[in-house]
Amino acid sequence: MQDFKNLKVWQKAQELALFTYRITTEFPKEELFGLRNTLRKTSVDIPAFIAEGCAKTNDQEFGKSISMAIALNNRLEYYALVARDLQLLNDAVHKEYADRIVEVRKMLSGFNQRLVT
């Protein structure tokens, strides 16, 4: 069992979650329990699955948690597109957000490859 806080992939995922909270603060009130909440919950679940995986007893089980984090990361990317298309995120913010999401996905995929090989 390892300390998840020492994993660079967890640190980047945590930064992504915090960034999500910052960029959604100005969403309209009608989105409090809609897309704003969905973006926030999904972004927080990514580092949570990494942390959970660190408590697993073997790499195969850890890999399942990382696979779930990858799936959530893809879901987050889709939700970000919806937010942009609804003009809740401007193009510049969306670009930065999408870049961060892709960076975390690449890190998760690389980490998962090391676990399964």
PDB file of N, CA and C in Angstrom:
ATOM      1  N   MET A   1       0.859  -1.175   0.000  1.00  0.00           N
ATOM      2  CA  MET A   1       0.000   0.000   0.000  1.00  0.00           C
ATOM      3  C   MET A   1       0.903   1.236   0.000  1.00  0.00           C
ATOM      4  N   GLN A   2       0.564   2.191  -0.847  1.00  0.00           N
ATOM      5  CA  GLN A   2       1.378   3.398  -0.938  1.00  0.00           C
ATOM      6  C   GLN A   2       0.548   4.636  -0.622  1.00  0.00           C
ATOM      7  N   ASP A   3       1.216   5.709  -0.319  1.00  0.00           N
ATOM      8  CA  ASP A   3       0.558   6.971  -0.010  1.00  0.00           C
ATOM      9  C   ASP A   3       0.186   7.657  -1.325  1.00  0.00           C
ATOM     10  N   PHE A   4      -1.104   7.754  -1.593  1.00  0.00           N
ATOM     11  CA  PHE A   4      -1.576   8.327  -2.856  1.00  0.00           C
ATOM     12  C   PHE A   4      -1.100   9.754  -3.065  1.00  0.00           C
ATOM     13  N   LYS A   5      -0.885  10.487  -1.985  1.00  0.00           N
ATOM     14  CA  LYS A   5      -0.480  11.890  -2.111  1.00  0.00           C
ATOM     15  C   LYS A   5       0.894  12.051  -2.744  1.00  0.00           C
ATOM     16  N   ASN A   6       1.684  10.981  -2.743  1.00  0.00           N
ATOM     17  CA  ASN A   6       3.016  11.020  -3.355  1.00  0.00           C
ATOM     18  C   ASN A   6       2.997  10.729  -4.853  1.00  0.00           C
ATOM     19  N   LEU A   7       1.873  10.279  -5.382  1.00  0.00           N
ATOM     20  CA  LEU A   7       1.777   9.948  -6.805  1.00  0.00           C
ATOM     21  C   LEU A   7       1.554  11.213  -7.633  1.00  0.00           C
ATOM     22  N   LYS A   8       2.397  11.423  -8.622  1.00  0.00           N
ATOM     23  CA  LYS A   8       2.253  12.601  -9.491  1.00  0.00           C
ATOM     24  C   LYS A   8       0.906  12.594 -10.206  1.00  0.00           C
ATOM     25  N   VAL A   9       0.416  11.421 -10.588  1.00  0.00           N
ATOM     26  CA  VAL A   9      -0.870  11.340 -11.274  1.00  0.00           C
ATOM     27  C   VAL A   9      -2.001  11.798 -10.337  1.00  0.00           C
ATOM     28  N   TRP A  10      -1.917  11.441  -9.060  1.00  0.00           N
ATOM     29  CA  TRP A  10      -2.923  11.912  -8.118  1.00  0.00           C
ATOM     30  C   TRP A  10      -2.824  13.426  -7.947  1.00  0.00           C
ATOM     31  N   GLN A  11      -1.601  13.946  -7.842  1.00  0.00           N
ATOM     32  CA  GLN A  11      -1.409  15.388  -7.679  1.00  0.00           C
ATOM     33  C   GLN A  11      -2.017  16.158  -8.843  1.00  0.00           C
ATOM     34  N   LYS A  12      -1.799  15.678 -10.078  1.00  0.00           N
ATOM     35  CA  LYS A  12      -2.368  16.343 -11.264  1.00  0.00           C
ATOM     36  C   LYS A  12      -3.881  16.228 -11.273  1.00  0.00           C
ATOM     37  N   ALA A  13      -4.401  15.071 -10.896  1.00  0.00           N
ATOM     38  CA  ALA A  13      -5.853  14.886 -10.838  1.00  0.00           C
ATOM     39  C   ALA A  13      -6.473  15.786  -9.775  1.00  0.00           C
ATOM     40  N   GLN A  14      -5.786  15.947  -8.664  1.00  0.00           N
ATOM     41  CA  GLN A  14      -6.253  16.847  -7.603  1.00  0.00           C
ATOM     42  C   GLN A  14      -6.260  18.295  -8.100  1.00  0.00           C
ATOM     43  N   GLU A  15      -5.213  18.686  -8.808  1.00  0.00           N
ATOM     44  CA  GLU A  15      -5.174  20.042  -9.386  1.00  0.00           C
ATOM     45  C   GLU A  15      -6.335  20.239 -10.358  1.00  0.00           C
ATOM     46  N   LEU A  16      -6.640  19.216 -11.140  1.00  0.00           N
ATOM     47  CA  LEU A  16      -7.759  19.290 -12.086  1.00  0.00           C
ATOM     48  C   LEU A  16      -9.084  19.481 -11.339  1.00  0.00           C
ATOM     49  N   ALA A  17      -9.268  18.761 -10.252  1.00  0.00           N
ATOM     50  CA  ALA A  17     -10.484  18.909  -9.459  1.00  0.00           C
ATOM     51  C   ALA A  17     -10.608  20.327  -8.893  1.00  0.00           C
ATOM     52  N   LEU A  18      -9.509  20.847  -8.376  1.00  0.00           N
ATOM     53  CA  LEU A  18      -9.541  22.206  -7.826  1.00  0.00           C
ATOM     54  C   LEU A  18      -9.799  23.237  -8.919  1.00  0.00           C
ATOM     55  N   PHE A  19      -9.206  23.021 -10.095  1.00  0.00           N
ATOM     56  CA  PHE A  19      -9.443  23.909 -11.232  1.00  0.00           C
ATOM     57  C   PHE A  19     -10.920  23.872 -11.628  1.00  0.00           C
ATOM     58  N   THR A  20     -11.505  22.689 -11.602  1.00  0.00           N
ATOM     59  CA  THR A  20     -12.927  22.545 -11.919  1.00  0.00           C
ATOM     60  C   THR A  20     -13.777  23.389 -10.975  1.00  0.00           C
ATOM     61  N   TYR A  21     -13.475  23.333  -9.698  1.00  0.00           N
ATOM     62  CA  TYR A  21     -14.229  24.134  -8.730  1.00  0.00           C
ATOM     63  C   TYR A  21     -14.091  25.626  -9.037  1.00  0.00           C
ATOM     64  N   ARG A  22     -12.875  26.046  -9.372  1.00  0.00           N
ATOM     65  CA  ARG A  22     -12.656  27.475  -9.655  1.00  0.00           C
ATOM     66  C   ARG A  22     -13.431  27.937 -10.891  1.00  0.00           C
ATOM     67  N   ILE A  23     -13.407  27.153 -11.951  1.00  0.00           N
ATOM     68  CA  ILE A  23     -14.042  27.610 -13.197  1.00  0.00           C
ATOM     69  C   ILE A  23     -15.554  27.464 -13.185  1.00  0.00           C
ATOM     70  N   THR A  24     -16.092  26.762 -12.205  1.00  0.00           N
ATOM     71  CA  THR A  24     -17.545  26.606 -12.155  1.00  0.00           C
ATOM     72  C   THR A  24     -18.214  27.518 -11.132  1.00  0.00           C
ATOM     73  N   THR A  25     -17.431  28.337 -10.450  1.00  0.00           N
ATOM     74  CA  THR A  25     -18.019  29.209  -9.423  1.00  0.00           C
ATOM     75  C   THR A  25     -18.998  30.222 -10.007  1.00  0.00           C
ATOM     76  N   GLU A  26     -18.780  30.621 -11.247  1.00  0.00           N
ATOM     77  CA  GLU A  26     -19.629  31.643 -11.862  1.00  0.00           C
ATOM     78  C   GLU A  26     -20.768  31.069 -12.705  1.00  0.00           C
ATOM     79  N   PHE A  27     -20.961  29.757 -12.657  1.00  0.00           N
ATOM     80  CA  PHE A  27     -22.081  29.176 -13.400  1.00  0.00           C
ATOM     81  C   PHE A  27     -23.390  29.755 -12.846  1.00  0.00           C
ATOM     82  N   PRO A  28     -24.405  29.884 -13.685  1.00  0.00           N
ATOM     83  CA  PRO A  28     -25.683  30.444 -13.209  1.00  0.00           C
ATOM     84  C   PRO A  28     -26.334  29.558 -12.137  1.00  0.00           C
ATOM     85  N   LYS A  29     -27.201  30.182 -11.338  1.00  0.00           N
ATOM     86  CA  LYS A  29     -27.858  29.475 -10.234  1.00  0.00           C
ATOM     87  C   LYS A  29     -28.620  28.243 -10.693  1.00  0.00           C
ATOM     88  N   GLU A  30     -29.209  28.305 -11.876  1.00  0.00           N
ATOM     89  CA  GLU A  30     -29.978  27.149 -12.351  1.00  0.00           C
ATOM     90  C   GLU A  30     -29.086  25.931 -12.625  1.00  0.00           C
ATOM     91  N   GLU A  31     -27.777  26.133 -12.645  1.00  0.00           N
ATOM     92  CA  GLU A  31     -26.841  25.022 -12.851  1.00  0.00           C
ATOM     93  C   GLU A  31     -26.245  24.500 -11.541  1.00  0.00           C
ATOM     94  N   LEU A  32     -26.690  25.036 -10.404  1.00  0.00           N
ATOM     95  CA  LEU A  32     -26.140  24.589  -9.127  1.00  0.00           C
ATOM     96  C   LEU A  32     -26.243  23.078  -8.957  1.00  0.00           C
ATOM     97  N   PHE A  33     -27.363  22.507  -9.363  1.00  0.00           N
ATOM     98  CA  PHE A  33     -27.567  21.067  -9.211  1.00  0.00           C
ATOM     99  C   PHE A  33     -27.569  20.359 -10.558  1.00  0.00           C
ATOM    100  N   GLY A  34     -27.134  21.050 -11.575  1.00  0.00           N
ATOM    101  CA  GLY A  34     -27.035  20.487 -12.917  1.00  0.00           C
ATOM    102  C   GLY A  34     -25.593  20.258 -13.292  1.00  0.00           C
ATOM    103  N   LEU A  35     -25.188  20.915 -14.364  1.00  0.00           N
ATOM    104  CA  LEU A  35     -23.860  20.690 -14.919  1.00  0.00           C
ATOM    105  C   LEU A  35     -22.741  21.094 -13.948  1.00  0.00           C
ATOM    106  N   ARG A  36     -22.947  22.147 -13.184  1.00  0.00           N
ATOM    107  CA  ARG A  36     -21.912  22.565 -12.215  1.00  0.00           C
ATOM    108  C   ARG A  36     -21.617  21.437 -11.235  1.00  0.00           C
ATOM    109  N   ASN A  37     -22.656  20.886 -10.656  1.00  0.00           N
ATOM    110  CA  ASN A  37     -22.497  19.801  -9.694  1.00  0.00           C
ATOM    111  C   ASN A  37     -21.901  18.560 -10.358  1.00  0.00           C
ATOM    112  N   THR A  38     -22.338  18.268 -11.570  1.00  0.00           N
ATOM    113  CA  THR A  38     -21.853  17.105 -12.298  1.00  0.00           C
ATOM    114  C   THR A  38     -20.364  17.220 -12.599  1.00  0.00           C
ATOM    115  N   LEU A  39     -19.933  18.386 -13.074  1.00  0.00           N
ATOM    116  CA  LEU A  39     -18.505  18.610 -13.332  1.00  0.00           C
ATOM    117  C   LEU A  39     -17.692  18.455 -12.054  1.00  0.00           C
ATOM    118  N   ARG A  40     -18.163  19.045 -10.996  1.00  0.00           N
ATOM    119  CA  ARG A  40     -17.430  18.992  -9.731  1.00  0.00           C
ATOM    120  C   ARG A  40     -17.339  17.566  -9.196  1.00  0.00           C
ATOM    121  N   LYS A  41     -18.455  16.868  -9.169  1.00  0.00           N
ATOM    122  CA  LYS A  41     -18.470  15.498  -8.648  1.00  0.00           C
ATOM    123  C   LYS A  41     -17.572  14.598  -9.472  1.00  0.00           C
ATOM    124  N   THR A  42     -17.664  14.683 -10.780  1.00  0.00           N
ATOM    125  CA  THR A  42     -16.849  13.831 -11.641  1.00  0.00           C
ATOM    126  C   THR A  42     -15.365  14.136 -11.456  1.00  0.00           C
ATOM    127  N   SER A  43     -15.020  15.414 -11.380  1.00  0.00           N
ATOM    128  CA  SER A  43     -13.600  15.776 -11.245  1.00  0.00           C
ATOM    129  C   SER A  43     -13.023  15.306  -9.913  1.00  0.00           C
ATOM    130  N   VAL A  44     -13.812  15.327  -8.861  1.00  0.00           N
ATOM    131  CA  VAL A  44     -13.332  14.893  -7.548  1.00  0.00           C
ATOM    132  C   VAL A  44     -13.235  13.367  -7.480  1.00  0.00           C
ATOM    133  N   ASP A  45     -14.087  12.688  -8.229  1.00  0.00           N
ATOM    134  CA  ASP A  45     -14.046  11.232  -8.220  1.00  0.00           C
ATOM    135  C   ASP A  45     -12.774  10.676  -8.860  1.00  0.00           C
ATOM    136  N   ILE A  46     -12.157  11.422  -9.767  1.00  0.00           N
ATOM    137  CA  ILE A  46     -10.934  10.934 -10.421  1.00  0.00           C
ATOM    138  C   ILE A  46      -9.806  10.739  -9.396  1.00  0.00           C
ATOM    139  N   PRO A  47      -9.403  11.772  -8.653  1.00  0.00           N
ATOM    140  CA  PRO A  47      -8.358  11.528  -7.643  1.00  0.00           C
ATOM    141  C   PRO A  47      -8.831  10.589  -6.533  1.00  0.00           C
ATOM    142  N   ALA A  48     -10.136  10.547  -6.274  1.00  0.00           N
ATOM    143  CA  ALA A  48     -10.655   9.637  -5.246  1.00  0.00           C
ATOM    144  C   ALA A  48     -10.428   8.181  -5.648  1.00  0.00           C
ATOM    145  N   PHE A  49     -10.639   7.857  -6.920  1.00  0.00           N
ATOM    146  CA  PHE A  49     -10.395   6.489  -7.373  1.00  0.00           C
ATOM    147  C   PHE A  49      -8.912   6.142  -7.332  1.00  0.00           C
ATOM    148  N   ILE A  50      -8.063   7.107  -7.607  1.00  0.00           N
ATOM    149  CA  ILE A  50      -6.616   6.861  -7.491  1.00  0.00           C
ATOM    150  C   ILE A  50      -6.271   6.563  -6.034  1.00  0.00           C
ATOM    151  N   ALA A  51      -6.798   7.371  -5.124  1.00  0.00           N
ATOM    152  CA  ALA A  51      -6.544   7.164  -3.697  1.00  0.00           C
ATOM    153  C   ALA A  51      -7.067   5.805  -3.245  1.00  0.00           C
ATOM    154  N   GLU A  52      -8.256   5.468  -3.698  1.00  0.00           N
ATOM    155  CA  GLU A  52      -8.837   4.172  -3.349  1.00  0.00           C
ATOM    156  C   GLU A  52      -7.965   3.027  -3.870  1.00  0.00           C
ATOM    157  N   GLY A  53      -7.472   3.177  -5.080  1.00  0.00           N
ATOM    158  CA  GLY A  53      -6.626   2.142  -5.668  1.00  0.00           C
ATOM    159  C   GLY A  53      -5.375   1.875  -4.864  1.00  0.00           C
ATOM    160  N   CYS A  54      -4.853   2.896  -4.226  1.00  0.00           N
ATOM    161  CA  CYS A  54      -3.635   2.730  -3.416  1.00  0.00           C
ATOM    162  C   CYS A  54      -3.858   1.797  -2.233  1.00  0.00           C
ATOM    163  N   ALA A  55      -5.094   1.606  -1.840  1.00  0.00           N
ATOM    164  CA  ALA A  55      -5.389   0.722  -0.714  1.00  0.00           C
ATOM    165  C   ALA A  55      -5.644  -0.719  -1.151  1.00  0.00           C
ATOM    166  N   LYS A  56      -5.653  -0.967  -2.446  1.00  0.00           N
ATOM    167  CA  LYS A  56      -5.898  -2.322  -2.946  1.00  0.00           C
ATOM    168  C   LYS A  56      -4.705  -3.215  -2.646  1.00  0.00           C
ATOM    169  N   THR A  57      -4.969  -4.495  -2.603  1.00  0.00           N
ATOM    170  CA  THR A  57      -3.935  -5.446  -2.183  1.00  0.00           C
ATOM    171  C   THR A  57      -3.016  -5.901  -3.306  1.00  0.00           C
ATOM    172  N   ASN A  58      -3.403  -5.648  -4.570  1.00  0.00           N
ATOM    173  CA  ASN A  58      -2.527  -6.055  -5.665  1.00  0.00           C
ATOM    174  C   ASN A  58      -2.690  -5.113  -6.855  1.00  0.00           C
ATOM    175  N   ASP A  59      -1.754  -5.207  -7.785  1.00  0.00           N
ATOM    176  CA  ASP A  59      -1.749  -4.295  -8.933  1.00  0.00           C
ATOM    177  C   ASP A  59      -2.964  -4.475  -9.836  1.00  0.00           C
ATOM    178  N   GLN A  60      -3.474  -5.702  -9.939  1.00  0.00           N
ATOM    179  CA  GLN A  60      -4.651  -5.932 -10.770  1.00  0.00           C
ATOM    180  C   GLN A  60      -5.858  -5.154 -10.226  1.00  0.00           C
ATOM    181  N   GLU A  61      -6.045  -5.208  -8.929  1.00  0.00           N
ATOM    182  CA  GLU A  61      -7.149  -4.467  -8.300  1.00  0.00           C
ATOM    183  C   GLU A  61      -6.901  -2.958  -8.391  1.00  0.00           C
ATOM    184  N   PHE A  62      -5.666  -2.556  -8.206  1.00  0.00           N
ATOM    185  CA  PHE A  62      -5.301  -1.145  -8.341  1.00  0.00           C
ATOM    186  C   PHE A  62      -5.619  -0.685  -9.761  1.00  0.00           C
ATOM    187  N   GLY A  63      -5.298  -1.513 -10.744  1.00  0.00           N
ATOM    188  CA  GLY A  63      -5.575  -1.191 -12.148  1.00  0.00           C
ATOM    189  C   GLY A  63      -7.054  -0.966 -12.417  1.00  0.00           C
ATOM    190  N   LYS A  64      -7.918  -1.697 -11.725  1.00  0.00           N
ATOM    191  CA  LYS A  64      -9.366  -1.504 -11.901  1.00  0.00           C
ATOM    192  C   LYS A  64      -9.775  -0.102 -11.437  1.00  0.00           C
ATOM    193  N   SER A  65      -9.185   0.340 -10.344  1.00  0.00           N
ATOM    194  CA  SER A  65      -9.482   1.698  -9.864  1.00  0.00           C
ATOM    195  C   SER A  65      -8.960   2.744 -10.843  1.00  0.00           C
ATOM    196  N   ILE A  66      -7.784   2.508 -11.400  1.00  0.00           N
ATOM    197  CA  ILE A  66      -7.220   3.446 -12.366  1.00  0.00           C
ATOM    198  C   ILE A  66      -8.058   3.447 -13.645  1.00  0.00           C
ATOM    199  N   SER A  67      -8.533   2.290 -14.059  1.00  0.00           N
ATOM    200  CA  SER A  67      -9.413   2.220 -15.243  1.00  0.00           C
ATOM    201  C   SER A  67     -10.693   3.021 -15.014  1.00  0.00           C
ATOM    202  N   MET A  68     -11.223   2.952 -13.809  1.00  0.00           N
ATOM    203  CA  MET A  68     -12.413   3.740 -13.489  1.00  0.00           C
ATOM    204  C   MET A  68     -12.096   5.234 -13.529  1.00  0.00           C
ATOM    205  N   ALA A  69     -10.917   5.605 -13.045  1.00  0.00           N
ATOM    206  CA  ALA A  69     -10.504   7.014 -13.093  1.00  0.00           C
ATOM    207  C   ALA A  69     -10.369   7.481 -14.540  1.00  0.00           C
ATOM    208  N   ILE A  70      -9.870   6.615 -15.420  1.00  0.00           N
ATOM    209  CA  ILE A  70      -9.762   6.966 -16.847  1.00  0.00           C
ATOM    210  C   ILE A  70     -11.153   7.176 -17.439  1.00  0.00           C
ATOM    211  N   ALA A  71     -12.081   6.288 -17.119  1.00  0.00           N
ATOM    212  CA  ALA A  71     -13.452   6.427 -17.625  1.00  0.00           C
ATOM    213  C   ALA A  71     -14.081   7.734 -17.138  1.00  0.00           C
ATOM    214  N   LEU A  72     -13.879   8.062 -15.890  1.00  0.00           N
ATOM    215  CA  LEU A  72     -14.409   9.318 -15.351  1.00  0.00           C
ATOM    216  C   LEU A  72     -13.751  10.520 -16.015  1.00  0.00           C
ATOM    217  N   ASN A  73     -12.472  10.403 -16.312  1.00  0.00           N
ATOM    218  CA  ASN A  73     -11.765  11.478 -16.990  1.00  0.00           C
ATOM    219  C   ASN A  73     -12.382  11.725 -18.366  1.00  0.00           C
ATOM    220  N   ASN A  74     -12.711  10.655 -19.082  1.00  0.00           N
ATOM    221  CA  ASN A  74     -13.372  10.808 -20.384  1.00  0.00           C
ATOM    222  C   ASN A  74     -14.749  11.440 -20.229  1.00  0.00           C
ATOM    223  N   ARG A  75     -15.457  11.038 -19.188  1.00  0.00           N
ATOM    224  CA  ARG A  75     -16.774  11.629 -18.919  1.00  0.00           C
ATOM    225  C   ARG A  75     -16.634  13.125 -18.644  1.00  0.00           C
ATOM    226  N   LEU A  76     -15.605  13.482 -17.877  1.00  0.00           N
ATOM    227  CA  LEU A  76     -15.359  14.890 -17.569  1.00  0.00           C
ATOM    228  C   LEU A  76     -15.088  15.681 -18.845  1.00  0.00           C
ATOM    229  N   GLU A  77     -14.330  15.091 -19.749  1.00  0.00           N
ATOM    230  CA  GLU A  77     -14.047  15.763 -21.017  1.00  0.00           C
ATOM    231  C   GLU A  77     -15.342  16.046 -21.778  1.00  0.00           C
ATOM    232  N   TYR A  78     -16.254  15.089 -21.781  1.00  0.00           N
ATOM    233  CA  TYR A  78     -17.549  15.300 -22.443  1.00  0.00           C
ATOM    234  C   TYR A  78     -18.343  16.416 -21.750  1.00  0.00           C
ATOM    235  N   TYR A  79     -18.418  16.375 -20.437  1.00  0.00           N
ATOM    236  CA  TYR A  79     -19.157  17.413 -19.711  1.00  0.00           C
ATOM    237  C   TYR A  79     -18.567  18.796 -19.974  1.00  0.00           C
ATOM    238  N   ALA A  80     -17.251  18.876 -20.100  1.00  0.00           N
ATOM    239  CA  ALA A  80     -16.605  20.156 -20.417  1.00  0.00           C
ATOM    240  C   ALA A  80     -17.039  20.655 -21.792  1.00  0.00           C
ATOM    241  N   LEU A  81     -17.181  19.737 -22.737  1.00  0.00           N
ATOM    242  CA  LEU A  81     -17.678  20.117 -24.070  1.00  0.00           C
ATOM    243  C   LEU A  81     -19.100  20.661 -23.986  1.00  0.00           C
ATOM    244  N   VAL A  82     -19.931  20.017 -23.203  1.00  0.00           N
ATOM    245  CA  VAL A  82     -21.309  20.501 -23.032  1.00  0.00           C
ATOM    246  C   VAL A  82     -21.307  21.892 -22.413  1.00  0.00           C
ATOM    247  N   ALA A  83     -20.474  22.091 -21.396  1.00  0.00           N
ATOM    248  CA  ALA A  83     -20.392  23.410 -20.757  1.00  0.00           C
ATOM    249  C   ALA A  83     -19.947  24.474 -21.756  1.00  0.00           C
ATOM    250  N   ARG A  84     -19.003  24.138 -22.614  1.00  0.00           N
ATOM    251  CA  ARG A  84     -18.562  25.080 -23.643  1.00  0.00           C
ATOM    252  C   ARG A  84     -19.692  25.348 -24.639  1.00  0.00           C
ATOM    253  N   ASP A  85     -20.352  24.293 -25.084  1.00  0.00           N
ATOM    254  CA  ASP A  85     -21.422  24.446 -26.071  1.00  0.00           C
ATOM    255  C   ASP A  85     -22.607  25.242 -25.529  1.00  0.00           C
ATOM    256  N   LEU A  86     -22.826  25.169 -24.228  1.00  0.00           N
ATOM    257  CA  LEU A  86     -23.878  25.963 -23.583  1.00  0.00           C
ATOM    258  C   LEU A  86     -23.387  27.358 -23.198  1.00  0.00           C
ATOM    259  N   GLN A  87     -22.135  27.656 -23.544  1.00  0.00           N
ATOM    260  CA  GLN A  87     -21.493  28.933 -23.279  1.00  0.00           C
ATOM    261  C   GLN A  87     -21.363  29.231 -21.783  1.00  0.00           C
ATOM    262  N   LEU A  88     -21.220  28.158 -21.011  1.00  0.00           N
ATOM    263  CA  LEU A  88     -20.925  28.313 -19.593  1.00  0.00           C
ATOM    264  C   LEU A  88     -19.425  28.468 -19.384  1.00  0.00           C
ATOM    265  N   LEU A  89     -18.654  27.952 -20.334  1.00  0.00           N
ATOM    266  CA  LEU A  89     -17.201  28.135 -20.363  1.00  0.00           C
ATOM    267  C   LEU A  89     -16.851  28.801 -21.679  1.00  0.00           C
ATOM    268  N   ASN A  90     -16.044  29.847 -21.623  1.00  0.00           N
ATOM    269  CA  ASN A  90     -15.615  30.465 -22.878  1.00  0.00           C
ATOM    270  C   ASN A  90     -14.532  29.595 -23.520  1.00  0.00           C
ATOM    271  N   ASP A  91     -14.213  29.881 -24.761  1.00  0.00           N
ATOM    272  CA  ASP A  91     -13.277  29.039 -25.514  1.00  0.00           C
ATOM    273  C   ASP A  91     -11.905  28.946 -24.856  1.00  0.00           C
ATOM    274  N   ALA A  92     -11.406  30.055 -24.332  1.00  0.00           N
ATOM    275  CA  ALA A  92     -10.069  30.053 -23.715  1.00  0.00           C
ATOM    276  C   ALA A  92     -10.042  29.178 -22.461  1.00  0.00           C
ATOM    277  N   VAL A  93     -11.053  29.313 -21.611  1.00  0.00           N
ATOM    278  CA  VAL A  93     -11.115  28.505 -20.393  1.00  0.00           C
ATOM    279  C   VAL A  93     -11.307  27.036 -20.759  1.00  0.00           C
ATOM    280  N   HIS A  94     -12.173  26.784 -21.722  1.00  0.00           N
ATOM    281  CA  HIS A  94     -12.398  25.403 -22.142  1.00  0.00           C
ATOM    282  C   HIS A  94     -11.104  24.774 -22.670  1.00  0.00           C
ATOM    283  N   LYS A  95     -10.344  25.521 -23.448  1.00  0.00           N
ATOM    284  CA  LYS A  95      -9.089  24.994 -24.003  1.00  0.00           C
ATOM    285  C   LYS A  95      -8.137  24.597 -22.886  1.00  0.00           C
ATOM    286  N   GLU A  96      -7.973  25.481 -21.904  1.00  0.00           N
ATOM    287  CA  GLU A  96      -7.093  25.162 -20.784  1.00  0.00           C
ATOM    288  C   GLU A  96      -7.611  23.949 -20.012  1.00  0.00           C
ATOM    289  N   TYR A  97      -8.904  23.913 -19.800  1.00  0.00           N
ATOM    290  CA  TYR A  97      -9.529  22.803 -19.081  1.00  0.00           C
ATOM    291  C   TYR A  97      -9.333  21.493 -19.850  1.00  0.00           C
ATOM    292  N   ALA A  98      -9.615  21.512 -21.145  1.00  0.00           N
ATOM    293  CA  ALA A  98      -9.456  20.317 -21.978  1.00  0.00           C
ATOM    294  C   ALA A  98      -8.002  19.847 -21.979  1.00  0.00           C
ATOM    295  N   ASP A  99      -7.072  20.776 -22.047  1.00  0.00           N
ATOM    296  CA  ASP A  99      -5.652  20.412 -22.014  1.00  0.00           C
ATOM    297  C   ASP A  99      -5.291  19.716 -20.701  1.00  0.00           C
ATOM    298  N   ARG A 100      -5.827  20.220 -19.607  1.00  0.00           N
ATOM    299  CA  ARG A 100      -5.558  19.612 -18.297  1.00  0.00           C
ATOM    300  C   ARG A 100      -6.175  18.214 -18.215  1.00  0.00           C
ATOM    301  N   ILE A 101      -7.382  18.077 -18.754  1.00  0.00           N
ATOM    302  CA  ILE A 101      -8.059  16.780 -18.747  1.00  0.00           C
ATOM    303  C   ILE A 101      -7.254  15.760 -19.549  1.00  0.00           C
ATOM    304  N   VAL A 102      -6.792  16.158 -20.721  1.00  0.00           N
ATOM    305  CA  VAL A 102      -5.994  15.256 -21.569  1.00  0.00           C
ATOM    306  C   VAL A 102      -4.685  14.882 -20.870  1.00  0.00           C
ATOM    307  N   GLU A 103      -4.049  15.847 -20.222  1.00  0.00           N
ATOM    308  CA  GLU A 103      -2.804  15.566 -19.505  1.00  0.00           C
ATOM    309  C   GLU A 103      -3.023  14.499 -18.434  1.00  0.00           C
ATOM    310  N   VAL A 104      -4.100  14.638 -17.671  1.00  0.00           N
ATOM    311  CA  VAL A 104      -4.390  13.651 -16.624  1.00  0.00           C
ATOM    312  C   VAL A 104      -4.694  12.297 -17.252  1.00  0.00           C
ATOM    313  N   ARG A 105      -5.451  12.274 -18.349  1.00  0.00           N
ATOM    314  CA  ARG A 105      -5.758  11.004 -19.007  1.00  0.00           C
ATOM    315  C   ARG A 105      -4.488  10.295 -19.471  1.00  0.00           C
ATOM    316  N   LYS A 106      -3.567  11.036 -20.058  1.00  0.00           N
ATOM    317  CA  LYS A 106      -2.300  10.442 -20.503  1.00  0.00           C
ATOM    318  C   LYS A 106      -1.524   9.879 -19.315  1.00  0.00           C
ATOM    319  N   MET A 107      -1.496  10.608 -18.227  1.00  0.00           N
ATOM    320  CA  MET A 107      -0.791  10.132 -17.035  1.00  0.00           C
ATOM    321  C   MET A 107      -1.453   8.880 -16.472  1.00  0.00           C
ATOM    322  N   LEU A 108      -2.785   8.884 -16.424  1.00  0.00           N
ATOM    323  CA  LEU A 108      -3.513   7.710 -15.935  1.00  0.00           C
ATOM    324  C   LEU A 108      -3.258   6.498 -16.819  1.00  0.00           C
ATOM    325  N   SER A 109      -3.286   6.700 -18.122  1.00  0.00           N
ATOM    326  CA  SER A 109      -3.063   5.591 -19.062  1.00  0.00           C
ATOM    327  C   SER A 109      -1.660   5.020 -18.909  1.00  0.00           C
ATOM    328  N   GLY A 110      -0.669   5.893 -18.809  1.00  0.00           N
ATOM    329  CA  GLY A 110       0.698   5.439 -18.609  1.00  0.00           C
ATOM    330  C   GLY A 110       0.864   4.700 -17.292  1.00  0.00           C
ATOM    331  N   PHE A 111       0.250   5.220 -16.251  1.00  0.00           N
ATOM    332  CA  PHE A 111       0.321   4.584 -14.935  1.00  0.00           C
ATOM    333  C   PHE A 111      -0.323   3.209 -14.988  1.00  0.00           C
ATOM    334  N   ASN A 112      -1.471   3.127 -15.664  1.00  0.00           N
ATOM    335  CA  ASN A 112      -2.185   1.854 -15.774  1.00  0.00           C
ATOM    336  C   ASN A 112      -1.354   0.830 -16.548  1.00  0.00           C
ATOM    337  N   GLN A 113      -0.671   1.274 -17.592  1.00  0.00           N
ATOM    338  CA  GLN A 113       0.189   0.364 -18.361  1.00  0.00           C
ATOM    339  C   GLN A 113       1.283  -0.234 -17.477  1.00  0.00           C
ATOM    340  N   ARG A 114       1.854   0.570 -16.603  1.00  0.00           N
ATOM    341  CA  ARG A 114       2.892   0.067 -15.696  1.00  0.00           C
ATOM    342  C   ARG A 114       2.326  -0.950 -14.702  1.00  0.00           C
ATOM    343  N   LEU A 115       1.060  -0.766 -14.318  1.00  0.00           N
ATOM    344  CA  LEU A 115       0.454  -1.689 -13.367  1.00  0.00           C
ATOM    345  C   LEU A 115       0.173  -3.050 -13.996  1.00  0.00           C
ATOM    346  N   VAL A 116      -0.255  -3.058 -15.237  1.00  0.00           N
ATOM    347  CA  VAL A 116      -0.684  -4.319 -15.850  1.00  0.00           C
ATOM    348  C   VAL A 116       0.442  -5.080 -16.529  1.00  0.00           C
ATOM    349  N   THR A 117       1.613  -4.470 -16.689  1.00  0.00           N
ATOM    350  CA  THR A 117       2.722  -5.190 -17.346  1.00  0.00           C
ATOM    351  C   THR A 117       3.730  -5.696 -16.347  1.00  0.00           C
TER     352      THR A 117
END
